Amino acid sequence: MHLSRYPRLHFAHLPTPLEPLERISAELGGPNLWIKRDDCTGLSSGGNKTRKLEFLMADAVAQGADTIITQGATQSNHARQTCAAAARLGLQCHILLEDRTGYQDKAYVHNGNVLLDQLHGASISIRPADSDMNAEMEQLAHLLRDDGRKPYVIPGGGSNEIGALGYVNAAFELTHQANERSLRIDHLVHATGSAGTQAGLLVGMEAMNSGIPVYGVSVRAPKQKQEENVYGLAQRTLDFMGLSPNLVAREAVVANSDYVGDGYGLPTNSMVEAVKMLASYEGILLDPVYSGKGFAGLIDLIRKGHFKQGENVVFLHTGGSVSLFAYPKIFDLPGYI
């Protein structure tokens, strides 16, 4: 599969490392755990959205855009990386942030990703929870066009068939790394939200006939809705690439929503445990919204025997540790004032 036929810019630090998690594997006493470090993609502290933005920003440039519009929650990792990519290309960037949590803590509304959005020079505006964010972006795009601008609208999470190409490519990269070290990957686990990462991985893994199942831990939507979102985007990606829709079967799409807790961006005890465990055992930082809940799901599934002794399980780290600074009180650390 020749992805070079699609426009792409190259600003991610690739390939990202694939590392063993030896201490946590020993502590949990189950499968052999590995981590794919997509928190190390390099753009504005890294994260999974950088892979998607290589293709999305190339499409924007090809269309002659001078302005980027996108949306996300207040502490959106996608917004931060989009702002950084726009800054690198000299494009204006407008970010619409949806107040999904209702948090008004100063650290949450001004620190973490929001601070970096502003450092990258983006224009930020807030929308209330449950807004039609796609409609809000289109309204802004219309106003900008009337003002003589050429806006390019990127969906939340960068999750459309163009953005998903970044994770089709990541599937190839990961499989190559495993082959080079004779590592048989039995399961690939990651946090799934806007669906682009999981859809791209599924398309890539199935196109290669890799035999590596992709297991998503949902951070927002209920199981059926999340799986339908992922499957729908996988089908659109296959169509965009000229591939058979039969490559990704509906039953290959798995999203476990047991670890969402009270809602998107709302902390859970299991997430706090997961963040503390990976930081103290392996020196790796997760985030409270995505990778923390994803890894919490992995820990619980190991304890329940879902992943077996001797299996090799790779956790895809989607980044986002910047948002730890937006949630300083939830970890109840000694010495916090």
C-alpha atoms as a PDB file:
ATOM      1  CA  MET A   1       0.000   0.000   0.000  1.00  0.00           C
ATOM      2  CA  HIS A   2       1.648   3.179  -1.261  1.00  0.00           C
ATOM      3  CA  LEU A   3       0.643   6.071   0.998  1.00  0.00           C
ATOM      4  CA  SER A   4       3.035   8.421  -0.787  1.00  0.00           C
ATOM      5  CA  ARG A   5       0.380   9.042  -3.419  1.00  0.00           C
ATOM      6  CA  TYR A   6      -1.420  11.208  -0.827  1.00  0.00           C
ATOM      7  CA  PRO A   7      -0.161  14.728  -0.023  1.00  0.00           C
ATOM      8  CA  ARG A   8       1.791  14.728   3.231  1.00  0.00           C
ATOM      9  CA  LEU A   9       4.002  17.064   5.196  1.00  0.00           C
ATOM     10  CA  HIS A  10       6.746  15.678   7.430  1.00  0.00           C
ATOM     11  CA  PHE A  11       7.079  17.228  10.862  1.00  0.00           C
ATOM     12  CA  ALA A  12       6.525  14.249  13.194  1.00  0.00           C
ATOM     13  CA  HIS A  13       9.470  12.520  14.853  1.00  0.00           C
ATOM     14  CA  LEU A  14       9.053   9.054  13.377  1.00  0.00           C
ATOM     15  CA  PRO A  15       9.282   6.202  13.977  1.00  0.00           C
ATOM     16  CA  THR A  16       8.222   6.634  17.588  1.00  0.00           C
ATOM     17  CA  PRO A  17       9.851   4.263  20.079  1.00  0.00           C
ATOM     18  CA  LEU A  18       8.460   0.826  20.916  1.00  0.00           C
ATOM     19  CA  GLU A  19       9.555   0.021  24.474  1.00  0.00           C
ATOM     20  CA  PRO A  20       9.015  -2.825  26.967  1.00  0.00           C
ATOM     21  CA  LEU A  21       7.270  -2.054  30.266  1.00  0.00           C
ATOM     22  CA  GLU A  22       9.180  -4.574  32.331  1.00  0.00           C
ATOM     23  CA  ARG A  23       8.445  -3.311  35.851  1.00  0.00           C
ATOM     24  CA  ILE A  24       4.685  -2.952  35.355  1.00  0.00           C
ATOM     25  CA  SER A  25       4.552  -6.320  33.584  1.00  0.00           C
ATOM     26  CA  ALA A  26       6.178  -7.913  36.619  1.00  0.00           C
ATOM     27  CA  GLU A  27       3.884  -6.042  39.024  1.00  0.00           C
ATOM     28  CA  LEU A  28       0.684  -7.053  37.241  1.00  0.00           C
ATOM     29  CA  GLY A  29       1.870 -10.608  36.669  1.00  0.00           C
ATOM     30  CA  GLY A  30       0.054 -11.101  33.385  1.00  0.00           C
ATOM     31  CA  PRO A  31       1.098 -10.477  29.774  1.00  0.00           C
ATOM     32  CA  ASN A  32       4.308  -8.872  28.572  1.00  0.00           C
ATOM     33  CA  LEU A  33       3.511  -5.173  28.174  1.00  0.00           C
ATOM     34  CA  TRP A  34       5.009  -2.872  25.568  1.00  0.00           C
ATOM     35  CA  ILE A  35       4.316   0.786  24.844  1.00  0.00           C
ATOM     36  CA  LYS A  36       4.286   2.545  21.471  1.00  0.00           C
ATOM     37  CA  ARG A  37       5.413   6.070  22.310  1.00  0.00           C
ATOM     38  CA  ASP A  38       3.241   8.313  20.146  1.00  0.00           C
ATOM     39  CA  ASP A  39       3.603  10.857  22.922  1.00  0.00           C
ATOM     40  CA  CYS A  40       7.030  11.390  21.322  1.00  0.00           C
ATOM     41  CA  THR A  41       5.942  12.668  17.906  1.00  0.00           C
ATOM     42  CA  GLY A  42       7.609  15.970  18.687  1.00  0.00           C
ATOM     43  CA  LEU A  43       5.114  18.663  17.693  1.00  0.00           C
ATOM     44  CA  SER A  44       4.315  20.856  20.723  1.00  0.00           C
ATOM     45  CA  SER A  45       5.173  18.064  23.206  1.00  0.00           C
ATOM     46  CA  GLY A  46       3.853  15.343  20.879  1.00  0.00           C
ATOM     47  CA  GLY A  47       0.761  13.193  20.646  1.00  0.00           C
ATOM     48  CA  ASN A  48      -1.202  11.084  18.218  1.00  0.00           C
ATOM     49  CA  LYS A  49      -2.775  14.006  16.342  1.00  0.00           C
ATOM     50  CA  THR A  50       0.566  14.923  14.781  1.00  0.00           C
ATOM     51  CA  ARG A  51       0.405  11.874  12.509  1.00  0.00           C
ATOM     52  CA  LYS A  52      -3.047  12.920  11.286  1.00  0.00           C
ATOM     53  CA  LEU A  53      -2.003  16.534  10.828  1.00  0.00           C
ATOM     54  CA  GLU A  54       0.794  15.580   8.441  1.00  0.00           C
ATOM     55  CA  PHE A  55      -1.893  14.565   5.937  1.00  0.00           C
ATOM     56  CA  LEU A  56      -4.530  17.137   6.905  1.00  0.00           C
ATOM     57  CA  MET A  57      -2.199  20.118   6.732  1.00  0.00           C
ATOM     58  CA  ALA A  58      -0.807  18.912   3.413  1.00  0.00           C
ATOM     59  CA  ASP A  59      -4.368  18.887   2.074  1.00  0.00           C
ATOM     60  CA  ALA A  60      -4.940  22.382   3.462  1.00  0.00           C
ATOM     61  CA  VAL A  61      -1.795  23.694   1.762  1.00  0.00           C
ATOM     62  CA  ALA A  62      -2.749  21.960  -1.492  1.00  0.00           C
ATOM     63  CA  GLN A  63      -6.104  23.766  -1.380  1.00  0.00           C
ATOM     64  CA  GLY A  64      -4.439  27.143  -0.864  1.00  0.00           C
ATOM     65  CA  ALA A  65      -5.740  27.651   2.671  1.00  0.00           C
ATOM     66  CA  ASP A  66      -4.420  30.553   4.714  1.00  0.00           C
ATOM     67  CA  THR A  67      -6.454  29.832   7.864  1.00  0.00           C
ATOM     68  CA  ILE A  68      -7.139  26.681   9.883  1.00  0.00           C
ATOM     69  CA  ILE A  69     -10.286  26.097  11.936  1.00  0.00           C
ATOM     70  CA  THR A  70     -10.782  23.185  14.307  1.00  0.00           C
ATOM     71  CA  GLN A  71     -12.554  22.320  17.536  1.00  0.00           C
ATOM     72  CA  GLY A  72     -12.238  20.249  20.681  1.00  0.00           C
ATOM     73  CA  ALA A  73     -12.867  20.203  24.411  1.00  0.00           C
ATOM     74  CA  THR A  74     -11.233  22.824  26.626  1.00  0.00           C
ATOM     75  CA  GLN A  75      -8.103  20.713  27.186  1.00  0.00           C
ATOM     76  CA  SER A  76      -7.963  19.391  23.623  1.00  0.00           C
ATOM     77  CA  ASN A  77      -4.668  17.771  22.654  1.00  0.00           C
ATOM     78  CA  HIS A  78      -5.771  17.969  19.034  1.00  0.00           C
ATOM     79  CA  ALA A  79      -6.272  21.736  19.263  1.00  0.00           C
ATOM     80  CA  ARG A  80      -2.789  22.199  20.733  1.00  0.00           C
ATOM     81  CA  GLN A  81      -1.063  20.204  17.991  1.00  0.00           C
ATOM     82  CA  THR A  82      -3.151  21.893  15.276  1.00  0.00           C
ATOM     83  CA  CYS A  83      -2.135  25.325  16.579  1.00  0.00           C
ATOM     84  CA  ALA A  84       1.506  24.258  16.496  1.00  0.00           C
ATOM     85  CA  ALA A  85       1.278  22.880  12.952  1.00  0.00           C
ATOM     86  CA  ALA A  86      -0.424  26.076  11.763  1.00  0.00           C
ATOM     87  CA  ALA A  87       2.283  28.180  13.412  1.00  0.00           C
ATOM     88  CA  ARG A  88       4.967  26.136  11.689  1.00  0.00           C
ATOM     89  CA  LEU A  89       3.316  26.714   8.311  1.00  0.00           C
ATOM     90  CA  GLY A  90       2.585  30.414   8.904  1.00  0.00           C
ATOM     91  CA  LEU A  91      -1.195  29.932   8.832  1.00  0.00           C
ATOM     92  CA  GLN A  92      -3.750  31.649  11.027  1.00  0.00           C
ATOM     93  CA  CYS A  93      -5.499  29.277  13.414  1.00  0.00           C
ATOM     94  CA  HIS A  94      -8.926  29.575  15.038  1.00  0.00           C
ATOM     95  CA  ILE A  95      -9.831  27.119  17.798  1.00  0.00           C
ATOM     96  CA  LEU A  96     -13.357  26.567  19.113  1.00  0.00           C
ATOM     97  CA  LEU A  97     -13.306  24.942  22.551  1.00  0.00           C
ATOM     98  CA  GLU A  98     -16.404  23.207  23.920  1.00  0.00           C
ATOM     99  CA  ASP A  99     -16.930  23.368  27.673  1.00  0.00           C
ATOM    100  CA  ARG A 100     -17.771  19.667  28.072  1.00  0.00           C
ATOM    101  CA  THR A 101     -16.874  19.307  31.752  1.00  0.00           C
ATOM    102  CA  GLY A 102     -18.198  22.537  33.288  1.00  0.00           C
ATOM    103  CA  TYR A 103     -14.931  22.933  35.237  1.00  0.00           C
ATOM    104  CA  GLN A 104     -14.104  26.543  36.104  1.00  0.00           C
ATOM    105  CA  ASP A 105     -10.891  25.886  38.029  1.00  0.00           C
ATOM    106  CA  LYS A 106      -8.232  28.364  36.907  1.00  0.00           C
ATOM    107  CA  ALA A 107      -5.725  25.610  36.160  1.00  0.00           C
ATOM    108  CA  TYR A 108      -8.245  23.886  33.893  1.00  0.00           C
ATOM    109  CA  VAL A 109      -9.361  26.924  31.897  1.00  0.00           C
ATOM    110  CA  HIS A 110      -5.982  28.677  31.613  1.00  0.00           C
ATOM    111  CA  ASN A 111      -3.212  26.072  31.988  1.00  0.00           C
ATOM    112  CA  GLY A 112      -2.182  22.897  30.165  1.00  0.00           C
ATOM    113  CA  ASN A 113      -3.219  22.770  26.521  1.00  0.00           C
ATOM    114  CA  VAL A 114      -4.980  26.158  26.680  1.00  0.00           C
ATOM    115  CA  LEU A 115      -1.741  27.860  27.655  1.00  0.00           C
ATOM    116  CA  LEU A 116       0.069  26.238  24.721  1.00  0.00           C
ATOM    117  CA  ASP A 117      -2.740  27.093  22.283  1.00  0.00           C
ATOM    118  CA  GLN A 118      -2.152  30.737  23.145  1.00  0.00           C
ATOM    119  CA  LEU A 119       1.640  30.462  22.946  1.00  0.00           C
ATOM    120  CA  HIS A 120       1.253  29.110  19.407  1.00  0.00           C
ATOM    121  CA  GLY A 121      -0.714  32.241  18.506  1.00  0.00           C
ATOM    122  CA  ALA A 122      -4.155  30.754  18.001  1.00  0.00           C
ATOM    123  CA  SER A 123      -7.428  32.622  18.348  1.00  0.00           C
ATOM    124  CA  ILE A 124      -9.588  30.822  20.926  1.00  0.00           C
ATOM    125  CA  SER A 125     -13.322  31.060  21.551  1.00  0.00           C
ATOM    126  CA  ILE A 126     -15.500  29.029  23.914  1.00  0.00           C
ATOM    127  CA  ARG A 127     -18.753  27.234  23.173  1.00  0.00           C
ATOM    128  CA  PRO A 128     -21.148  25.726  25.750  1.00  0.00           C
ATOM    129  CA  ALA A 129     -21.498  21.969  26.234  1.00  0.00           C
ATOM    130  CA  ASP A 130     -23.516  20.073  23.633  1.00  0.00           C
ATOM    131  CA  SER A 131     -23.043  22.728  20.965  1.00  0.00           C
ATOM    132  CA  ASP A 132     -23.147  21.597  17.343  1.00  0.00           C
ATOM    133  CA  MET A 133     -19.439  22.131  16.904  1.00  0.00           C
ATOM    134  CA  ASN A 134     -19.385  21.281  13.210  1.00  0.00           C
ATOM    135  CA  ALA A 135     -22.046  23.897  12.579  1.00  0.00           C
ATOM    136  CA  GLU A 136     -20.128  26.393  14.704  1.00  0.00           C
ATOM    137  CA  MET A 137     -16.988  25.828  12.625  1.00  0.00           C
ATOM    138  CA  GLU A 138     -18.875  26.217   9.365  1.00  0.00           C
ATOM    139  CA  GLN A 139     -20.408  29.482  10.579  1.00  0.00           C
ATOM    140  CA  LEU A 140     -16.953  30.818  11.401  1.00  0.00           C
ATOM    141  CA  ALA A 141     -15.606  29.591   8.050  1.00  0.00           C
ATOM    142  CA  HIS A 142     -18.417  31.470   6.274  1.00  0.00           C
ATOM    143  CA  LEU A 143     -17.541  34.701   8.092  1.00  0.00           C
ATOM    144  CA  LEU A 144     -13.867  34.289   7.238  1.00  0.00           C
ATOM    145  CA  ARG A 145     -14.614  33.645   3.573  1.00  0.00           C
ATOM    146  CA  ASP A 146     -16.705  36.816   3.486  1.00  0.00           C
ATOM    147  CA  ASP A 147     -13.655  38.595   4.876  1.00  0.00           C
ATOM    148  CA  GLY A 148     -11.475  37.296   2.033  1.00  0.00           C
ATOM    149  CA  ARG A 149      -9.800  34.457   3.935  1.00  0.00           C
ATOM    150  CA  LYS A 150      -9.398  30.872   2.702  1.00  0.00           C
ATOM    151  CA  PRO A 151     -10.239  28.680   5.712  1.00  0.00           C
ATOM    152  CA  TYR A 152      -9.686  24.944   5.939  1.00  0.00           C
ATOM    153  CA  VAL A 153     -11.893  23.154   8.475  1.00  0.00           C
ATOM    154  CA  ILE A 154     -10.466  20.176  10.380  1.00  0.00           C
ATOM    155  CA  PRO A 155     -12.956  18.013  12.310  1.00  0.00           C
ATOM    156  CA  GLY A 156     -12.509  17.357  16.013  1.00  0.00           C
ATOM    157  CA  GLY A 157      -9.584  15.045  16.644  1.00  0.00           C
ATOM    158  CA  GLY A 158      -8.524  15.334  13.019  1.00  0.00           C
ATOM    159  CA  SER A 159     -10.736  12.319  12.525  1.00  0.00           C
ATOM    160  CA  ASN A 160     -11.802  12.017   8.924  1.00  0.00           C
ATOM    161  CA  GLU A 161     -10.574   9.788   6.107  1.00  0.00           C
ATOM    162  CA  ILE A 162      -7.597  12.070   5.436  1.00  0.00           C
ATOM    163  CA  GLY A 163      -6.495  12.228   9.067  1.00  0.00           C
ATOM    164  CA  ALA A 164      -6.968   8.469   9.475  1.00  0.00           C
ATOM    165  CA  LEU A 165      -4.170   7.922   6.936  1.00  0.00           C
ATOM    166  CA  GLY A 166      -1.762   8.879   9.716  1.00  0.00           C
ATOM    167  CA  TYR A 167      -2.734   5.757  11.618  1.00  0.00           C
ATOM    168  CA  VAL A 168      -2.839   3.534   8.576  1.00  0.00           C
ATOM    169  CA  ASN A 169       0.811   4.487   8.308  1.00  0.00           C
ATOM    170  CA  ALA A 170       1.338   3.950  12.053  1.00  0.00           C
ATOM    171  CA  ALA A 171       0.074   0.370  11.666  1.00  0.00           C
ATOM    172  CA  PHE A 172       2.756  -0.236   9.032  1.00  0.00           C
ATOM    173  CA  GLU A 173       5.401   1.371  11.251  1.00  0.00           C
ATOM    174  CA  LEU A 174       4.507  -0.663  14.330  1.00  0.00           C
ATOM    175  CA  THR A 175       4.375  -3.946  12.424  1.00  0.00           C
ATOM    176  CA  HIS A 176       7.781  -3.235  10.886  1.00  0.00           C
ATOM    177  CA  GLN A 177       9.251  -2.529  14.341  1.00  0.00           C
ATOM    178  CA  ALA A 178       7.795  -5.776  15.690  1.00  0.00           C
ATOM    179  CA  ASN A 179       9.135  -7.751  12.741  1.00  0.00           C
ATOM    180  CA  GLU A 180      12.608  -6.280  13.196  1.00  0.00           C
ATOM    181  CA  ARG A 181      12.796  -7.563  16.786  1.00  0.00           C
ATOM    182  CA  SER A 182      10.828 -10.790  16.247  1.00  0.00           C
ATOM    183  CA  LEU A 183       8.079  -9.543  18.541  1.00  0.00           C
ATOM    184  CA  ARG A 184       4.744 -11.273  18.063  1.00  0.00           C
ATOM    185  CA  ILE A 185       2.077  -8.721  18.989  1.00  0.00           C
ATOM    186  CA  ASP A 186      -1.015 -10.479  20.309  1.00  0.00           C
ATOM    187  CA  HIS A 187      -3.040  -7.350  21.126  1.00  0.00           C
ATOM    188  CA  LEU A 188      -2.856  -3.611  20.443  1.00  0.00           C
ATOM    189  CA  VAL A 189      -4.691  -1.475  23.024  1.00  0.00           C
ATOM    190  CA  HIS A 190      -5.318   2.277  23.011  1.00  0.00           C
ATOM    191  CA  ALA A 191      -7.713   5.002  24.156  1.00  0.00           C
ATOM    192  CA  THR A 192     -10.365   5.727  21.539  1.00  0.00           C
ATOM    193  CA  GLY A 193     -12.311   8.979  21.280  1.00  0.00           C
ATOM    194  CA  SER A 194     -12.923  10.761  17.979  1.00  0.00           C
ATOM    195  CA  ALA A 195     -12.362   7.434  16.151  1.00  0.00           C
ATOM    196  CA  GLY A 196      -9.591   8.394  13.718  1.00  0.00           C
ATOM    197  CA  THR A 197      -6.767   6.582  15.474  1.00  0.00           C
ATOM    198  CA  GLN A 198      -8.659   3.316  15.826  1.00  0.00           C
ATOM    199  CA  ALA A 199     -10.146   3.463  12.322  1.00  0.00           C
ATOM    200  CA  GLY A 200      -6.735   4.070  10.761  1.00  0.00           C
ATOM    201  CA  LEU A 201      -5.105   1.285  12.772  1.00  0.00           C
ATOM    202  CA  LEU A 202      -7.831  -1.151  11.772  1.00  0.00           C
ATOM    203  CA  VAL A 203      -7.500  -0.304   8.083  1.00  0.00           C
ATOM    204  CA  GLY A 204      -3.721  -0.641   8.212  1.00  0.00           C
ATOM    205  CA  MET A 205      -3.649  -3.855  10.214  1.00  0.00           C
ATOM    206  CA  GLU A 206      -6.344  -5.532   8.139  1.00  0.00           C
ATOM    207  CA  ALA A 207      -4.838  -4.379   4.829  1.00  0.00           C
ATOM    208  CA  MET A 208      -1.569  -6.078   5.833  1.00  0.00           C
ATOM    209  CA  ASN A 209      -3.363  -9.175   7.125  1.00  0.00           C
ATOM    210  CA  SER A 210      -1.259  -8.627  10.252  1.00  0.00           C
ATOM    211  CA  GLY A 211      -3.371 -10.744  12.585  1.00  0.00           C
ATOM    212  CA  ILE A 212      -3.025  -8.019  15.256  1.00  0.00           C
ATOM    213  CA  PRO A 213      -6.411  -7.189  16.826  1.00  0.00           C
ATOM    214  CA  VAL A 214      -7.035  -3.566  17.813  1.00  0.00           C
ATOM    215  CA  TYR A 215      -8.751  -3.011  21.174  1.00  0.00           C
ATOM    216  CA  GLY A 216     -10.103   0.451  21.922  1.00  0.00           C
ATOM    217  CA  VAL A 217     -10.865   1.731  25.418  1.00  0.00           C
ATOM    218  CA  SER A 218     -13.491   4.449  24.968  1.00  0.00           C
ATOM    219  CA  VAL A 219     -13.058   7.746  26.780  1.00  0.00           C
ATOM    220  CA  ARG A 220     -16.407   9.250  25.868  1.00  0.00           C
ATOM    221  CA  ALA A 221     -19.136   7.408  23.959  1.00  0.00           C
ATOM    222  CA  PRO A 222     -21.071   4.256  24.931  1.00  0.00           C
ATOM    223  CA  LYS A 223     -19.834   1.016  23.386  1.00  0.00           C
ATOM    224  CA  GLN A 224     -22.275   0.693  20.485  1.00  0.00           C
ATOM    225  CA  LYS A 225     -22.007   4.331  19.459  1.00  0.00           C
ATOM    226  CA  GLN A 226     -18.210   4.322  19.674  1.00  0.00           C
ATOM    227  CA  GLU A 227     -17.922   1.133  17.652  1.00  0.00           C
ATOM    228  CA  GLU A 228     -20.292   2.458  14.989  1.00  0.00           C
ATOM    229  CA  ASN A 229     -18.295   5.698  14.781  1.00  0.00           C
ATOM    230  CA  VAL A 230     -15.057   3.773  14.321  1.00  0.00           C
ATOM    231  CA  TYR A 231     -16.542   1.344  11.809  1.00  0.00           C
ATOM    232  CA  GLY A 232     -18.114   4.157   9.776  1.00  0.00           C
ATOM    233  CA  LEU A 233     -14.829   6.053   9.567  1.00  0.00           C
ATOM    234  CA  ALA A 234     -12.937   2.868   8.699  1.00  0.00           C
ATOM    235  CA  GLN A 235     -15.343   2.314   5.808  1.00  0.00           C
ATOM    236  CA  ARG A 236     -14.929   5.891   4.582  1.00  0.00           C
ATOM    237  CA  THR A 237     -11.156   5.530   4.806  1.00  0.00           C
ATOM    238  CA  LEU A 238     -11.215   2.303   2.799  1.00  0.00           C
ATOM    239  CA  ASP A 239     -13.343   3.991   0.153  1.00  0.00           C
ATOM    240  CA  PHE A 240     -11.004   7.007   0.052  1.00  0.00           C
ATOM    241  CA  MET A 241      -8.063   4.655  -0.482  1.00  0.00           C
ATOM    242  CA  GLY A 242      -9.842   2.613  -3.140  1.00  0.00           C
ATOM    243  CA  LEU A 243      -9.888  -0.540  -1.012  1.00  0.00           C
ATOM    244  CA  SER A 244     -12.603  -3.119  -0.503  1.00  0.00           C
ATOM    245  CA  PRO A 245     -15.076  -2.326   2.297  1.00  0.00           C
ATOM    246  CA  ASN A 246     -14.839  -5.981   3.296  1.00  0.00           C
ATOM    247  CA  LEU A 247     -11.285  -5.496   4.567  1.00  0.00           C
ATOM    248  CA  VAL A 248     -12.569  -4.317   7.962  1.00  0.00           C
ATOM    249  CA  ALA A 249     -15.387  -6.453   9.338  1.00  0.00           C
ATOM    250  CA  ARG A 250     -17.821  -4.996  11.844  1.00  0.00           C
ATOM    251  CA  GLU A 251     -16.807  -7.604  14.423  1.00  0.00           C
ATOM    252  CA  ALA A 252     -13.171  -6.423  14.208  1.00  0.00           C
ATOM    253  CA  VAL A 253     -14.189  -3.104  15.791  1.00  0.00           C
ATOM    254  CA  VAL A 254     -13.973  -3.361  19.586  1.00  0.00           C
ATOM    255  CA  ALA A 255     -14.481  -0.440  21.968  1.00  0.00           C
ATOM    256  CA  ASN A 256     -14.836  -1.066  25.699  1.00  0.00           C
ATOM    257  CA  SER A 257     -16.698   1.798  27.406  1.00  0.00           C
ATOM    258  CA  ASP A 258     -16.459   0.481  30.979  1.00  0.00           C
ATOM    259  CA  TYR A 259     -13.777   3.009  31.968  1.00  0.00           C
ATOM    260  CA  VAL A 260     -15.358   6.323  30.908  1.00  0.00           C
ATOM    261  CA  GLY A 261     -16.631   7.002  34.424  1.00  0.00           C
ATOM    262  CA  ASP A 262     -19.007   9.939  34.813  1.00  0.00           C
ATOM    263  CA  GLY A 263     -18.128  11.366  31.409  1.00  0.00           C
ATOM    264  CA  TYR A 264     -15.523  12.756  29.052  1.00  0.00           C
ATOM    265  CA  GLY A 265     -12.691  14.530  30.840  1.00  0.00           C
ATOM    266  CA  LEU A 266     -14.053  13.670  34.296  1.00  0.00           C
ATOM    267  CA  PRO A 267     -11.491  11.915  36.496  1.00  0.00           C
ATOM    268  CA  THR A 268     -11.843   8.337  37.737  1.00  0.00           C
ATOM    269  CA  ASN A 269     -10.019   6.544  40.537  1.00  0.00           C
ATOM    270  CA  SER A 270      -8.728   3.928  38.103  1.00  0.00           C
ATOM    271  CA  MET A 271      -7.304   6.654  35.850  1.00  0.00           C
ATOM    272  CA  VAL A 272      -5.495   8.236  38.802  1.00  0.00           C
ATOM    273  CA  GLU A 273      -4.034   4.830  39.707  1.00  0.00           C
ATOM    274  CA  ALA A 274      -2.910   4.242  36.117  1.00  0.00           C
ATOM    275  CA  VAL A 275      -1.217   7.640  35.799  1.00  0.00           C
ATOM    276  CA  LYS A 276       0.595   7.219  39.103  1.00  0.00           C
ATOM    277  CA  MET A 277       1.610   3.641  38.302  1.00  0.00           C
ATOM    278  CA  LEU A 278       3.160   4.345  34.912  1.00  0.00           C
ATOM    279  CA  ALA A 279       4.907   7.457  36.241  1.00  0.00           C
ATOM    280  CA  SER A 280       6.365   5.710  39.291  1.00  0.00           C
ATOM    281  CA  TYR A 281       7.212   2.362  37.679  1.00  0.00           C
ATOM    282  CA  GLU A 282       8.360   3.409  34.203  1.00  0.00           C
ATOM    283  CA  GLY A 283       8.962   7.184  34.264  1.00  0.00           C
ATOM    284  CA  ILE A 284       6.308   7.743  31.579  1.00  0.00           C
ATOM    285  CA  LEU A 285       3.536  10.344  31.850  1.00  0.00           C
ATOM    286  CA  LEU A 286      -0.028   9.583  30.763  1.00  0.00           C
ATOM    287  CA  ASP A 287      -2.830  12.140  30.581  1.00  0.00           C
ATOM    288  CA  PRO A 288      -6.071  12.328  32.605  1.00  0.00           C
ATOM    289  CA  VAL A 289      -8.506  12.311  29.662  1.00  0.00           C
ATOM    290  CA  TYR A 290      -7.298   9.764  27.098  1.00  0.00           C
ATOM    291  CA  SER A 291      -4.222   7.644  27.761  1.00  0.00           C
ATOM    292  CA  GLY A 292      -4.856   7.548  31.537  1.00  0.00           C
ATOM    293  CA  LYS A 293      -8.295   5.989  31.077  1.00  0.00           C
ATOM    294  CA  GLY A 294      -7.008   3.771  28.289  1.00  0.00           C
ATOM    295  CA  PHE A 295      -4.224   2.392  30.473  1.00  0.00           C
ATOM    296  CA  ALA A 296      -6.615   2.061  33.406  1.00  0.00           C
ATOM    297  CA  GLY A 297      -8.743  -0.181  31.213  1.00  0.00           C
ATOM    298  CA  LEU A 298      -5.702  -2.254  30.281  1.00  0.00           C
ATOM    299  CA  ILE A 299      -4.719  -2.699  33.949  1.00  0.00           C
ATOM    300  CA  ASP A 300      -8.208  -3.829  34.925  1.00  0.00           C
ATOM    301  CA  LEU A 301      -8.505  -6.216  31.976  1.00  0.00           C
ATOM    302  CA  ILE A 302      -5.180  -7.801  32.929  1.00  0.00           C
ATOM    303  CA  ARG A 303      -6.359  -8.242  36.514  1.00  0.00           C
ATOM    304  CA  LYS A 304      -9.531  -9.886  35.216  1.00  0.00           C
ATOM    305  CA  GLY A 305      -7.546 -12.309  33.050  1.00  0.00           C
ATOM    306  CA  HIS A 306      -8.672 -10.923  29.684  1.00  0.00           C
ATOM    307  CA  PHE A 307      -5.050 -10.769  28.508  1.00  0.00           C
ATOM    308  CA  LYS A 308      -3.148 -13.949  29.264  1.00  0.00           C
ATOM    309  CA  GLN A 309       0.202 -14.813  30.777  1.00  0.00           C
ATOM    310  CA  GLY A 310       2.884 -14.807  28.103  1.00  0.00           C
ATOM    311  CA  GLU A 311       0.941 -12.744  25.562  1.00  0.00           C
ATOM    312  CA  ASN A 312       2.534  -9.609  24.157  1.00  0.00           C
ATOM    313  CA  VAL A 313       0.301  -6.559  24.538  1.00  0.00           C
ATOM    314  CA  VAL A 314       1.244  -3.184  23.060  1.00  0.00           C
ATOM    315  CA  PHE A 315      -0.328  -0.051  24.511  1.00  0.00           C
ATOM    316  CA  LEU A 316      -0.372   2.860  22.077  1.00  0.00           C
ATOM    317  CA  HIS A 317       0.367   6.026  24.068  1.00  0.00           C
ATOM    318  CA  THR A 318      -1.589   8.816  22.367  1.00  0.00           C
ATOM    319  CA  GLY A 319       0.132  11.597  24.339  1.00  0.00           C
ATOM    320  CA  GLY A 320      -1.475  14.505  26.179  1.00  0.00           C
ATOM    321  CA  SER A 321       0.582  14.737  29.366  1.00  0.00           C
ATOM    322  CA  VAL A 322       0.400  18.546  29.076  1.00  0.00           C
ATOM    323  CA  SER A 323      -3.155  18.323  30.426  1.00  0.00           C
ATOM    324  CA  LEU A 324      -1.851  16.961  33.734  1.00  0.00           C
ATOM    325  CA  PHE A 325      -1.204  20.603  34.614  1.00  0.00           C
ATOM    326  CA  ALA A 326      -4.911  21.331  34.185  1.00  0.00           C
ATOM    327  CA  TYR A 327      -5.876  18.748  36.836  1.00  0.00           C
ATOM    328  CA  PRO A 328      -3.327  19.347  39.641  1.00  0.00           C
ATOM    329  CA  LYS A 329      -5.639  18.544  42.552  1.00  0.00           C
ATOM    330  CA  ILE A 330      -6.952  15.139  41.504  1.00  0.00           C
ATOM    331  CA  PHE A 331      -3.751  13.232  42.301  1.00  0.00           C
ATOM    332  CA  ASP A 332      -3.683  14.198  45.986  1.00  0.00           C
ATOM    333  CA  LEU A 333       0.076  14.376  46.046  1.00  0.00           C
ATOM    334  CA  PRO A 334       1.955  15.093  49.288  1.00  0.00           C
ATOM    335  CA  GLY A 335       3.059  18.678  49.634  1.00  0.00           C
ATOM    336  CA  TYR A 336       0.407  20.108  47.290  1.00  0.00           C
ATOM    337  CA  ILE A 337      -0.835  23.476  48.548  1.00  0.00           C
END
